[in-house]
Amino acid sequence: SGILATLITIWWQRKNQNKMTKLKIFTTLMSKRYEISAEESVEALNMIDVIFYKSDKVRNAWNKFNEATNLPDTSTRSQAIQDKHLRLLEVIADDIGYKNIHWDSIKQYYYPIALSEKKQDEAMLRRINIDAGIAQINKFKQNVDVSQTNKNDEFSQQVLLEALKNPNNLLQVMELAEKAKKNNKVSE
């Protein structure tokens, strides 16, 4: 009887854990249903095949939602995605035992204008920061190029001055330069 009690306990814990995981996915998708592409929502959606592997209805609704996301970009694509997403949530609710949560209740959500404006402002600030960073990198690259050119010019002037002091050195420098060119071509 001890073994039977242990097996029942293990079975019950697994069943309870599976239900809790399904509930977590459902609550995440419900809380982010106004923003399907939110990172948390995407992570939850991608867990459906694993967590609901025994539920053909949920996996079928998931596949239809996924098919809608792969439709060509048309005026009806966005609505098709939203409809399939709502249907998926409805099927998941039914699968985990929420029999009274239907399309109409899932379709309603709270999303204040201030939150929308805040997200837009944050996106705009991120874009500005990215553009500023890119501009700074480009400016740095230009300065490095100019600096490198200036260093090359200084070196060339020093070599020329030394060469003018002793013409024999000029011939040696020219030979070294030719060898360096050949070596650079070979290494490229």
N, C-alpha and C. Protein backbone atom coordinates (compact mmCIF):
# COMPACT_ATOMS: atom_id res chain seq x y z
N SER A 1 0.83 -1.20 0.00
CA SER A 1 0.00 0.00 0.00
C SER A 1 0.87 1.26 0.00
N GLY A 2 2.09 1.16 0.53
CA GLY A 2 3.01 2.30 0.52
C GLY A 2 3.44 2.66 -0.89
N ILE A 3 3.69 1.64 -1.70
CA ILE A 3 4.09 1.87 -3.11
C ILE A 3 2.94 2.49 -3.88
N LEU A 4 1.73 2.01 -3.64
CA LEU A 4 0.55 2.54 -4.31
C LEU A 4 0.34 4.00 -3.94
N ALA A 5 0.52 4.32 -2.67
CA ALA A 5 0.36 5.71 -2.22
C ALA A 5 1.41 6.60 -2.87
N THR A 6 2.64 6.11 -2.98
CA THR A 6 3.71 6.88 -3.62
C THR A 6 3.41 7.11 -5.09
N LEU A 7 2.96 6.07 -5.78
CA LEU A 7 2.63 6.20 -7.20
C LEU A 7 1.48 7.18 -7.41
N ILE A 8 0.48 7.11 -6.56
CA ILE A 8 -0.65 8.04 -6.68
C ILE A 8 -0.18 9.47 -6.42
N THR A 9 0.69 9.64 -5.44
CA THR A 9 1.22 10.97 -5.14
C THR A 9 2.01 11.53 -6.32
N ILE A 10 2.86 10.70 -6.91
CA ILE A 10 3.65 11.13 -8.07
C ILE A 10 2.74 11.49 -9.23
N TRP A 11 1.74 10.64 -9.49
CA TRP A 11 0.79 10.90 -10.56
C TRP A 11 0.06 12.21 -10.31
N TRP A 12 -0.39 12.42 -9.09
CA TRP A 12 -1.13 13.63 -8.74
C TRP A 12 -0.25 14.87 -8.89
N GLN A 13 1.00 14.80 -8.47
CA GLN A 13 1.92 15.93 -8.59
C GLN A 13 2.17 16.28 -10.05
N ARG A 14 2.37 15.26 -10.89
CA ARG A 14 2.58 15.52 -12.32
C ARG A 14 1.35 16.16 -12.95
N LYS A 15 0.19 15.62 -12.61
CA LYS A 15 -1.06 16.16 -13.16
C LYS A 15 -1.24 17.60 -12.71
N ASN A 16 -0.98 17.87 -11.45
CA ASN A 16 -1.13 19.21 -10.91
C ASN A 16 -0.12 20.17 -11.55
N GLN A 17 1.13 19.71 -11.72
CA GLN A 17 2.15 20.53 -12.35
C GLN A 17 1.79 20.85 -13.79
N ASN A 18 1.29 19.87 -14.52
CA ASN A 18 0.87 20.08 -15.90
C ASN A 18 -0.26 21.10 -15.96
N LYS A 19 -1.22 20.99 -15.05
CA LYS A 19 -2.34 21.93 -15.04
C LYS A 19 -1.84 23.34 -14.70
N MET A 20 -0.91 23.44 -13.76
CA MET A 20 -0.36 24.75 -13.39
C MET A 20 0.40 25.38 -14.57
N THR A 21 1.12 24.57 -15.31
CA THR A 21 1.85 25.07 -16.48
C THR A 21 0.87 25.54 -17.55
N LYS A 22 -0.18 24.77 -17.78
CA LYS A 22 -1.21 25.17 -18.74
C LYS A 22 -1.86 26.48 -18.29
N LEU A 23 -2.13 26.59 -17.01
CA LEU A 23 -2.74 27.79 -16.46
C LEU A 23 -1.81 28.99 -16.62
N LYS A 24 -0.53 28.78 -16.40
CA LYS A 24 0.44 29.88 -16.57
C LYS A 24 0.48 30.35 -18.03
N ILE A 25 0.48 29.41 -18.95
CA ILE A 25 0.46 29.79 -20.37
C ILE A 25 -0.81 30.56 -20.68
N PHE A 26 -1.93 30.06 -20.20
CA PHE A 26 -3.21 30.73 -20.47
C PHE A 26 -3.23 32.13 -19.88
N THR A 27 -2.81 32.27 -18.62
CA THR A 27 -2.85 33.60 -18.00
C THR A 27 -1.88 34.56 -18.68
N THR A 28 -0.76 34.06 -19.12
CA THR A 28 0.18 34.92 -19.86
C THR A 28 -0.44 35.39 -21.17
N LEU A 29 -1.03 34.46 -21.90
CA LEU A 29 -1.65 34.83 -23.18
C LEU A 29 -2.85 35.76 -22.98
N MET A 30 -3.60 35.54 -21.91
CA MET A 30 -4.73 36.42 -21.62
C MET A 30 -4.24 37.82 -21.23
N SER A 31 -3.20 37.88 -20.42
CA SER A 31 -2.72 39.18 -19.96
C SER A 31 -2.06 39.98 -21.08
N LYS A 32 -1.60 39.30 -22.12
CA LYS A 32 -0.94 39.98 -23.25
C LYS A 32 -1.75 39.90 -24.53
N ARG A 33 -3.04 39.62 -24.42
CA ARG A 33 -3.83 39.43 -25.65
C ARG A 33 -3.98 40.70 -26.47
N TYR A 34 -3.76 41.86 -25.87
CA TYR A 34 -3.79 43.11 -26.61
C TYR A 34 -2.49 43.32 -27.40
N GLU A 35 -1.45 42.54 -27.07
CA GLU A 35 -0.15 42.67 -27.73
C GLU A 35 0.43 41.28 -27.98
N ILE A 36 -0.04 40.65 -29.04
CA ILE A 36 0.32 39.27 -29.35
C ILE A 36 1.84 39.11 -29.51
N SER A 37 2.50 40.15 -30.00
CA SER A 37 3.94 40.03 -30.28
C SER A 37 4.81 40.35 -29.06
N ALA A 38 4.20 40.55 -27.89
CA ALA A 38 5.00 40.78 -26.68
C ALA A 38 5.85 39.54 -26.41
N GLU A 39 7.03 39.75 -25.87
CA GLU A 39 7.98 38.66 -25.67
C GLU A 39 7.38 37.53 -24.83
N GLU A 40 6.68 37.89 -23.75
CA GLU A 40 6.08 36.87 -22.88
C GLU A 40 5.03 36.06 -23.64
N SER A 41 4.25 36.74 -24.46
CA SER A 41 3.22 36.08 -25.26
C SER A 41 3.84 35.12 -26.26
N VAL A 42 4.88 35.55 -26.92
CA VAL A 42 5.56 34.71 -27.91
C VAL A 42 6.13 33.46 -27.24
N GLU A 43 6.75 33.64 -26.06
CA GLU A 43 7.29 32.49 -25.33
C GLU A 43 6.19 31.50 -24.96
N ALA A 44 5.05 32.02 -24.49
CA ALA A 44 3.93 31.15 -24.11
C ALA A 44 3.37 30.43 -25.34
N LEU A 45 3.23 31.15 -26.44
CA LEU A 45 2.71 30.52 -27.66
C LEU A 45 3.62 29.39 -28.13
N ASN A 46 4.91 29.60 -28.02
CA ASN A 46 5.85 28.58 -28.48
C ASN A 46 5.92 27.36 -27.57
N MET A 47 5.30 27.43 -26.41
CA MET A 47 5.26 26.28 -25.49
C MET A 47 4.03 25.40 -25.73
N ILE A 48 3.10 25.85 -26.53
CA ILE A 48 1.83 25.15 -26.70
C ILE A 48 2.02 23.71 -27.17
N ASP A 49 2.84 23.49 -28.18
CA ASP A 49 3.02 22.13 -28.69
C ASP A 49 3.52 21.17 -27.62
N VAL A 50 4.33 21.66 -26.70
CA VAL A 50 4.89 20.80 -25.66
C VAL A 50 3.89 20.58 -24.53
N ILE A 51 3.31 21.65 -24.05
CA ILE A 51 2.45 21.57 -22.87
C ILE A 51 1.09 20.96 -23.19
N PHE A 52 0.56 21.27 -24.36
CA PHE A 52 -0.76 20.76 -24.75
C PHE A 52 -0.63 19.62 -25.76
N TYR A 53 0.42 18.83 -25.65
CA TYR A 53 0.67 17.78 -26.64
C TYR A 53 -0.44 16.74 -26.71
N LYS A 54 -1.22 16.58 -25.64
CA LYS A 54 -2.31 15.61 -25.65
C LYS A 54 -3.63 16.20 -26.10
N SER A 55 -3.69 17.51 -26.30
CA SER A 55 -4.94 18.16 -26.67
C SER A 55 -4.96 18.50 -28.16
N ASP A 56 -5.65 17.69 -28.91
CA ASP A 56 -5.74 17.92 -30.36
C ASP A 56 -6.44 19.24 -30.68
N LYS A 57 -7.45 19.60 -29.90
CA LYS A 57 -8.18 20.85 -30.16
C LYS A 57 -7.26 22.07 -30.01
N VAL A 58 -6.47 22.08 -28.94
CA VAL A 58 -5.57 23.21 -28.71
C VAL A 58 -4.50 23.26 -29.80
N ARG A 59 -3.91 22.13 -30.11
CA ARG A 59 -2.85 22.12 -31.13
C ARG A 59 -3.41 22.46 -32.51
N ASN A 60 -4.64 22.07 -32.80
CA ASN A 60 -5.28 22.44 -34.06
C ASN A 60 -5.51 23.96 -34.11
N ALA A 61 -6.00 24.53 -33.02
CA ALA A 61 -6.21 25.98 -32.96
C ALA A 61 -4.87 26.72 -33.06
N TRP A 62 -3.83 26.17 -32.43
CA TRP A 62 -2.49 26.74 -32.51
C TRP A 62 -1.99 26.73 -33.95
N ASN A 63 -2.18 25.62 -34.65
CA ASN A 63 -1.74 25.52 -36.05
C ASN A 63 -2.48 26.51 -36.94
N LYS A 64 -3.78 26.69 -36.69
CA LYS A 64 -4.55 27.67 -37.49
C LYS A 64 -4.07 29.09 -37.22
N PHE A 65 -3.77 29.38 -35.96
CA PHE A 65 -3.21 30.70 -35.62
C PHE A 65 -1.88 30.89 -36.33
N ASN A 66 -1.03 29.89 -36.26
CA ASN A 66 0.28 29.96 -36.89
C ASN A 66 0.17 30.14 -38.40
N GLU A 67 -0.78 29.45 -39.01
CA GLU A 67 -1.01 29.62 -40.46
C GLU A 67 -1.43 31.04 -40.78
N ALA A 68 -2.25 31.63 -39.92
CA ALA A 68 -2.70 33.01 -40.15
C ALA A 68 -1.52 33.99 -40.09
N THR A 69 -0.55 33.71 -39.22
CA THR A 69 0.61 34.61 -39.13
C THR A 69 1.49 34.52 -40.37
N ASN A 70 1.35 33.45 -41.12
CA ASN A 70 2.17 33.27 -42.33
C ASN A 70 1.45 33.67 -43.61
N LEU A 71 0.26 34.24 -43.48
CA LEU A 71 -0.48 34.70 -44.66
C LEU A 71 0.25 35.89 -45.29
N PRO A 72 0.03 36.10 -46.59
CA PRO A 72 0.62 37.29 -47.22
C PRO A 72 0.09 38.56 -46.55
N ASP A 73 0.90 39.59 -46.56
CA ASP A 73 0.53 40.84 -45.90
C ASP A 73 -0.58 41.54 -46.69
N THR A 74 -1.82 41.39 -46.20
CA THR A 74 -2.97 42.03 -46.83
C THR A 74 -3.75 42.77 -45.75
N SER A 75 -4.81 43.43 -46.16
CA SER A 75 -5.62 44.19 -45.20
C SER A 75 -6.36 43.26 -44.24
N THR A 76 -6.61 42.01 -44.62
CA THR A 76 -7.35 41.09 -43.76
C THR A 76 -6.44 40.22 -42.89
N ARG A 77 -5.15 40.26 -43.12
CA ARG A 77 -4.21 39.41 -42.38
C ARG A 77 -4.25 39.70 -40.88
N SER A 78 -4.19 40.96 -40.52
CA SER A 78 -4.18 41.34 -39.10
C SER A 78 -5.44 40.85 -38.39
N GLN A 79 -6.57 41.01 -39.02
CA GLN A 79 -7.83 40.55 -38.41
C GLN A 79 -7.86 39.03 -38.30
N ALA A 80 -7.36 38.35 -39.31
CA ALA A 80 -7.31 36.88 -39.26
C ALA A 80 -6.43 36.41 -38.10
N ILE A 81 -5.30 37.07 -37.90
CA ILE A 81 -4.41 36.71 -36.80
C ILE A 81 -5.11 36.91 -35.46
N GLN A 82 -5.76 38.06 -35.30
CA GLN A 82 -6.46 38.34 -34.05
C GLN A 82 -7.58 37.33 -33.80
N ASP A 83 -8.34 37.02 -34.82
CA ASP A 83 -9.43 36.06 -34.67
C ASP A 83 -8.91 34.68 -34.28
N LYS A 84 -7.86 34.23 -34.94
CA LYS A 84 -7.29 32.90 -34.63
C LYS A 84 -6.68 32.89 -33.23
N HIS A 85 -6.11 34.00 -32.83
CA HIS A 85 -5.55 34.11 -31.49
C HIS A 85 -6.66 34.01 -30.44
N LEU A 86 -7.74 34.73 -30.65
CA LEU A 86 -8.87 34.67 -29.71
C LEU A 86 -9.46 33.26 -29.66
N ARG A 87 -9.56 32.63 -30.80
CA ARG A 87 -10.08 31.26 -30.85
C ARG A 87 -9.15 30.31 -30.09
N LEU A 88 -7.85 30.50 -30.25
CA LEU A 88 -6.87 29.69 -29.52
C LEU A 88 -7.05 29.86 -28.01
N LEU A 89 -7.22 31.08 -27.56
CA LEU A 89 -7.43 31.33 -26.13
C LEU A 89 -8.72 30.68 -25.64
N GLU A 90 -9.74 30.73 -26.45
CA GLU A 90 -11.01 30.11 -26.09
C GLU A 90 -10.85 28.59 -25.95
N VAL A 91 -10.15 27.97 -26.86
CA VAL A 91 -9.94 26.52 -26.82
C VAL A 91 -9.07 26.14 -25.62
N ILE A 92 -8.03 26.94 -25.33
CA ILE A 92 -7.19 26.66 -24.16
C ILE A 92 -8.01 26.78 -22.88
N ALA A 93 -8.85 27.82 -22.79
CA ALA A 93 -9.71 27.99 -21.60
C ALA A 93 -10.57 26.76 -21.39
N ASP A 94 -11.15 26.27 -22.46
CA ASP A 94 -12.00 25.07 -22.37
C ASP A 94 -11.16 23.86 -21.94
N ASP A 95 -9.96 23.73 -22.48
CA ASP A 95 -9.10 22.58 -22.17
C ASP A 95 -8.71 22.53 -20.70
N ILE A 96 -8.49 23.69 -20.09
CA ILE A 96 -8.06 23.68 -18.69
C ILE A 96 -9.23 23.79 -17.71
N GLY A 97 -10.45 23.77 -18.25
CA GLY A 97 -11.62 23.69 -17.37
C GLY A 97 -12.39 24.97 -17.18
N TYR A 98 -12.02 26.02 -17.87
CA TYR A 98 -12.78 27.28 -17.78
C TYR A 98 -13.87 27.26 -18.85
N LYS A 99 -14.95 26.60 -18.54
CA LYS A 99 -16.02 26.39 -19.52
C LYS A 99 -16.82 27.64 -19.82
N ASN A 100 -16.78 28.64 -18.93
CA ASN A 100 -17.59 29.85 -19.13
C ASN A 100 -16.80 31.02 -19.71
N ILE A 101 -15.58 30.78 -20.13
CA ILE A 101 -14.81 31.84 -20.79
C ILE A 101 -14.91 31.59 -22.29
N HIS A 102 -15.58 32.53 -22.95
CA HIS A 102 -15.83 32.39 -24.39
C HIS A 102 -15.26 33.58 -25.15
N TRP A 103 -15.42 33.50 -26.44
CA TRP A 103 -14.92 34.49 -27.39
C TRP A 103 -15.22 35.91 -26.95
N ASP A 104 -16.48 36.20 -26.59
CA ASP A 104 -16.88 37.57 -26.25
C ASP A 104 -16.14 38.10 -25.03
N SER A 105 -15.94 37.25 -24.03
CA SER A 105 -15.23 37.72 -22.84
C SER A 105 -13.73 37.84 -23.11
N ILE A 106 -13.20 37.00 -23.94
CA ILE A 106 -11.77 37.08 -24.27
C ILE A 106 -11.49 38.29 -25.14
N LYS A 107 -12.43 38.63 -25.99
CA LYS A 107 -12.26 39.73 -26.93
C LYS A 107 -12.14 41.07 -26.21
N GLN A 108 -12.72 41.17 -25.03
CA GLN A 108 -12.68 42.42 -24.27
C GLN A 108 -11.42 42.47 -23.41
N TYR A 109 -10.73 43.56 -23.46
CA TYR A 109 -9.55 43.74 -22.62
C TYR A 109 -9.37 45.21 -22.32
N TYR A 110 -8.57 45.48 -21.31
CA TYR A 110 -8.29 46.84 -20.89
C TYR A 110 -6.90 47.23 -21.35
N TYR A 111 -6.81 48.28 -22.11
CA TYR A 111 -5.53 48.78 -22.59
C TYR A 111 -5.64 50.30 -22.69
N PRO A 112 -5.23 51.02 -21.65
CA PRO A 112 -5.40 52.47 -21.63
C PRO A 112 -4.55 53.18 -22.67
N ILE A 113 -5.04 54.29 -23.12
CA ILE A 113 -4.33 55.10 -24.12
C ILE A 113 -2.97 55.53 -23.59
N ALA A 114 -2.91 55.85 -22.31
CA ALA A 114 -1.63 56.29 -21.73
C ALA A 114 -0.56 55.20 -21.85
N LEU A 115 -0.93 53.96 -21.67
CA LEU A 115 0.02 52.86 -21.81
C LEU A 115 0.49 52.74 -23.26
N SER A 116 -0.43 52.89 -24.17
CA SER A 116 -0.09 52.84 -25.59
C SER A 116 0.88 53.97 -25.95
N GLU A 117 0.59 55.16 -25.45
CA GLU A 117 1.47 56.30 -25.73
C GLU A 117 2.84 56.09 -25.10
N LYS A 118 2.86 55.53 -23.90
CA LYS A 118 4.14 55.25 -23.22
C LYS A 118 4.97 54.27 -24.03
N LYS A 119 4.34 53.21 -24.53
CA LYS A 119 5.07 52.22 -25.33
C LYS A 119 5.59 52.85 -26.63
N GLN A 120 4.78 53.71 -27.24
CA GLN A 120 5.22 54.38 -28.46
C GLN A 120 6.40 55.31 -28.18
N ASP A 121 6.32 56.03 -27.04
CA ASP A 121 7.42 56.92 -26.66
C ASP A 121 8.70 56.13 -26.40
N GLU A 122 8.58 55.01 -25.70
CA GLU A 122 9.74 54.18 -25.42
C GLU A 122 10.35 53.63 -26.71
N ALA A 123 9.49 53.23 -27.64
CA ALA A 123 9.99 52.73 -28.93
C ALA A 123 10.71 53.84 -29.68
N MET A 124 10.15 55.05 -29.63
CA MET A 124 10.77 56.17 -30.32
C MET A 124 12.12 56.51 -29.68
N LEU A 125 12.19 56.50 -28.34
CA LEU A 125 13.45 56.77 -27.66
C LEU A 125 14.50 55.71 -27.98
N ARG A 126 14.08 54.43 -28.05
CA ARG A 126 15.01 53.38 -28.43
C ARG A 126 15.56 53.63 -29.83
N ARG A 127 14.67 54.01 -30.75
CA ARG A 127 15.08 54.28 -32.13
C ARG A 127 16.05 55.45 -32.18
N ILE A 128 15.77 56.51 -31.41
CA ILE A 128 16.66 57.68 -31.37
C ILE A 128 18.02 57.28 -30.81
N ASN A 129 18.02 56.49 -29.74
CA ASN A 129 19.29 56.03 -29.15
C ASN A 129 20.08 55.18 -30.14
N ILE A 130 19.40 54.31 -30.85
CA ILE A 130 20.08 53.48 -31.85
C ILE A 130 20.66 54.34 -32.95
N ASP A 131 19.87 55.30 -33.45
CA ASP A 131 20.36 56.20 -34.51
C ASP A 131 21.56 57.02 -34.02
N ALA A 132 21.49 57.51 -32.76
CA ALA A 132 22.59 58.29 -32.20
C ALA A 132 23.84 57.41 -32.07
N GLY A 133 23.64 56.18 -31.64
CA GLY A 133 24.78 55.26 -31.53
C GLY A 133 25.42 54.98 -32.87
N ILE A 134 24.60 54.77 -33.88
CA ILE A 134 25.12 54.52 -35.24
C ILE A 134 25.88 55.74 -35.74
N ALA A 135 25.32 56.94 -35.49
CA ALA A 135 26.00 58.17 -35.92
C ALA A 135 27.34 58.32 -35.22
N GLN A 136 27.36 57.99 -33.93
CA GLN A 136 28.61 58.09 -33.16
C GLN A 136 29.65 57.08 -33.68
N ILE A 137 29.21 55.88 -33.99
CA ILE A 137 30.13 54.88 -34.54
C ILE A 137 30.69 55.34 -35.89
N ASN A 138 29.82 55.88 -36.75
CA ASN A 138 30.28 56.37 -38.06
C ASN A 138 31.27 57.52 -37.90
N LYS A 139 30.99 58.42 -36.94
CA LYS A 139 31.90 59.54 -36.70
C LYS A 139 33.25 59.02 -36.21
N PHE A 140 33.21 58.04 -35.32
CA PHE A 140 34.45 57.44 -34.80
C PHE A 140 35.25 56.80 -35.95
N LYS A 141 34.54 56.08 -36.83
CA LYS A 141 35.22 55.45 -37.97
C LYS A 141 35.89 56.49 -38.86
N GLN A 142 35.19 57.61 -39.10
CA GLN A 142 35.77 58.67 -39.93
C GLN A 142 37.01 59.26 -39.25
N ASN A 143 36.92 59.45 -37.92
CA ASN A 143 38.08 59.98 -37.20
C ASN A 143 39.25 59.01 -37.24
N VAL A 144 38.97 57.73 -37.13
CA VAL A 144 40.03 56.73 -37.20
C VAL A 144 40.66 56.74 -38.58
N ASP A 145 39.82 56.82 -39.62
CA ASP A 145 40.34 56.86 -40.99
C ASP A 145 41.23 58.09 -41.20
N VAL A 146 40.75 59.25 -40.71
CA VAL A 146 41.53 60.49 -40.86
C VAL A 146 42.82 60.38 -40.05
N SER A 147 42.71 59.85 -38.83
CA SER A 147 43.88 59.68 -37.97
C SER A 147 44.89 58.75 -38.62
N GLN A 148 44.40 57.65 -39.19
CA GLN A 148 45.29 56.69 -39.86
C GLN A 148 45.97 57.34 -41.05
N THR A 149 45.20 58.13 -41.80
CA THR A 149 45.76 58.83 -42.96
C THR A 149 46.82 59.82 -42.49
N ASN A 150 46.52 60.55 -41.41
CA ASN A 150 47.48 61.53 -40.89
C ASN A 150 48.76 60.83 -40.43
N LYS A 151 48.63 59.68 -39.75
CA LYS A 151 49.80 58.93 -39.30
C LYS A 151 50.62 58.45 -40.50
N ASN A 152 49.92 57.97 -41.53
CA ASN A 152 50.62 57.52 -42.74
C ASN A 152 51.35 58.67 -43.41
N ASP A 153 50.70 59.84 -43.45
CA ASP A 153 51.32 61.02 -44.07
C ASP A 153 52.56 61.45 -43.28
N GLU A 154 52.47 61.46 -41.95
CA GLU A 154 53.59 61.84 -41.10
C GLU A 154 54.76 60.88 -41.33
N PHE A 155 54.45 59.59 -41.35
CA PHE A 155 55.50 58.59 -41.54
C PHE A 155 56.16 58.78 -42.91
N SER A 156 55.34 59.01 -43.92
CA SER A 156 55.87 59.20 -45.29
C SER A 156 56.78 60.42 -45.34
N GLN A 157 56.38 61.48 -44.67
CA GLN A 157 57.20 62.70 -44.66
C GLN A 157 58.54 62.45 -43.95
N GLN A 158 58.48 61.71 -42.83
CA GLN A 158 59.73 61.42 -42.11
C GLN A 158 60.67 60.57 -42.96
N VAL A 159 60.10 59.58 -43.63
CA VAL A 159 60.91 58.71 -44.49
C VAL A 159 61.53 59.53 -45.62
N LEU A 160 60.75 60.42 -46.21
CA LEU A 160 61.24 61.25 -47.31
C LEU A 160 62.37 62.17 -46.85
N LEU A 161 62.21 62.77 -45.67
CA LEU A 161 63.26 63.65 -45.14
C LEU A 161 64.55 62.87 -44.91
N GLU A 162 64.44 61.68 -44.31
CA GLU A 162 65.63 60.86 -44.08
C GLU A 162 66.26 60.43 -45.40
N ALA A 163 65.43 60.14 -46.37
CA ALA A 163 65.93 59.70 -47.66
C ALA A 163 66.66 60.83 -48.37
N LEU A 164 66.17 62.05 -48.21
CA LEU A 164 66.82 63.18 -48.85
C LEU A 164 68.19 63.47 -48.23
N LYS A 165 68.35 63.14 -46.96
CA LYS A 165 69.63 63.35 -46.30
C LYS A 165 70.70 62.42 -46.89
N ASN A 166 70.29 61.21 -47.28
CA ASN A 166 71.25 60.25 -47.83
C ASN A 166 70.57 59.52 -48.98
N PRO A 167 70.95 59.85 -50.22
CA PRO A 167 70.31 59.24 -51.39
C PRO A 167 70.38 57.72 -51.43
N ASN A 168 71.44 57.13 -50.89
CA ASN A 168 71.54 55.67 -50.86
C ASN A 168 70.41 55.06 -50.01
N ASN A 169 70.07 55.76 -48.93
CA ASN A 169 68.97 55.29 -48.09
C ASN A 169 67.64 55.30 -48.85
N LEU A 170 67.49 56.28 -49.76
CA LEU A 170 66.26 56.37 -50.54
C LEU A 170 66.07 55.11 -51.37
N LEU A 171 67.13 54.60 -51.98
CA LEU A 171 67.04 53.38 -52.78
C LEU A 171 66.68 52.18 -51.89
N GLN A 172 67.28 52.12 -50.72
CA GLN A 172 66.97 51.02 -49.80
C GLN A 172 65.50 51.08 -49.35
N VAL A 173 65.03 52.29 -49.05
CA VAL A 173 63.62 52.46 -48.62
C VAL A 173 62.68 52.05 -49.74
N MET A 174 63.02 52.40 -50.98
CA MET A 174 62.17 52.04 -52.11
C MET A 174 62.11 50.52 -52.28
N GLU A 175 63.27 49.87 -52.11
CA GLU A 175 63.30 48.41 -52.21
C GLU A 175 62.46 47.77 -51.10
N LEU A 176 62.58 48.31 -49.89
CA LEU A 176 61.78 47.80 -48.77
C LEU A 176 60.28 48.00 -49.02
N ALA A 177 59.93 49.14 -49.59
CA ALA A 177 58.52 49.43 -49.89
C ALA A 177 57.98 48.45 -50.92
N GLU A 178 58.78 48.15 -51.94
CA GLU A 178 58.35 47.19 -52.96
C GLU A 178 58.15 45.81 -52.36
N LYS A 179 59.07 45.40 -51.48
CA LYS A 179 58.94 44.10 -50.82
C LYS A 179 57.68 44.06 -49.95
N ALA A 180 57.43 45.16 -49.26
CA ALA A 180 56.25 45.22 -48.38
C ALA A 180 54.97 45.11 -49.20
N LYS A 181 54.95 45.78 -50.36
CA LYS A 181 53.77 45.70 -51.24
C LYS A 181 53.53 44.26 -51.69
N LYS A 182 54.63 43.61 -52.12
CA LYS A 182 54.52 42.23 -52.57
C LYS A 182 54.05 41.31 -51.45
N ASN A 183 54.55 41.51 -50.25
CA ASN A 183 54.13 40.72 -49.09
C ASN A 183 52.66 40.94 -48.76
N ASN A 184 52.21 42.19 -48.87
CA ASN A 184 50.79 42.49 -48.60
C ASN A 184 49.89 41.83 -49.64
N LYS A 185 50.31 41.82 -50.88
CA LYS A 185 49.51 41.20 -51.94
C LYS A 185 49.45 39.70 -51.71
N VAL A 186 50.54 39.10 -51.31
CA VAL A 186 50.59 37.67 -51.08
C VAL A 186 49.70 37.30 -49.90
N SER A 187 49.74 38.09 -48.83
CA SER A 187 48.95 37.77 -47.63
C SER A 187 47.45 38.01 -47.84
N GLU A 188 47.08 38.86 -48.77
CA GLU A 188 45.65 39.11 -49.03
C GLU A 188 45.09 37.93 -49.78
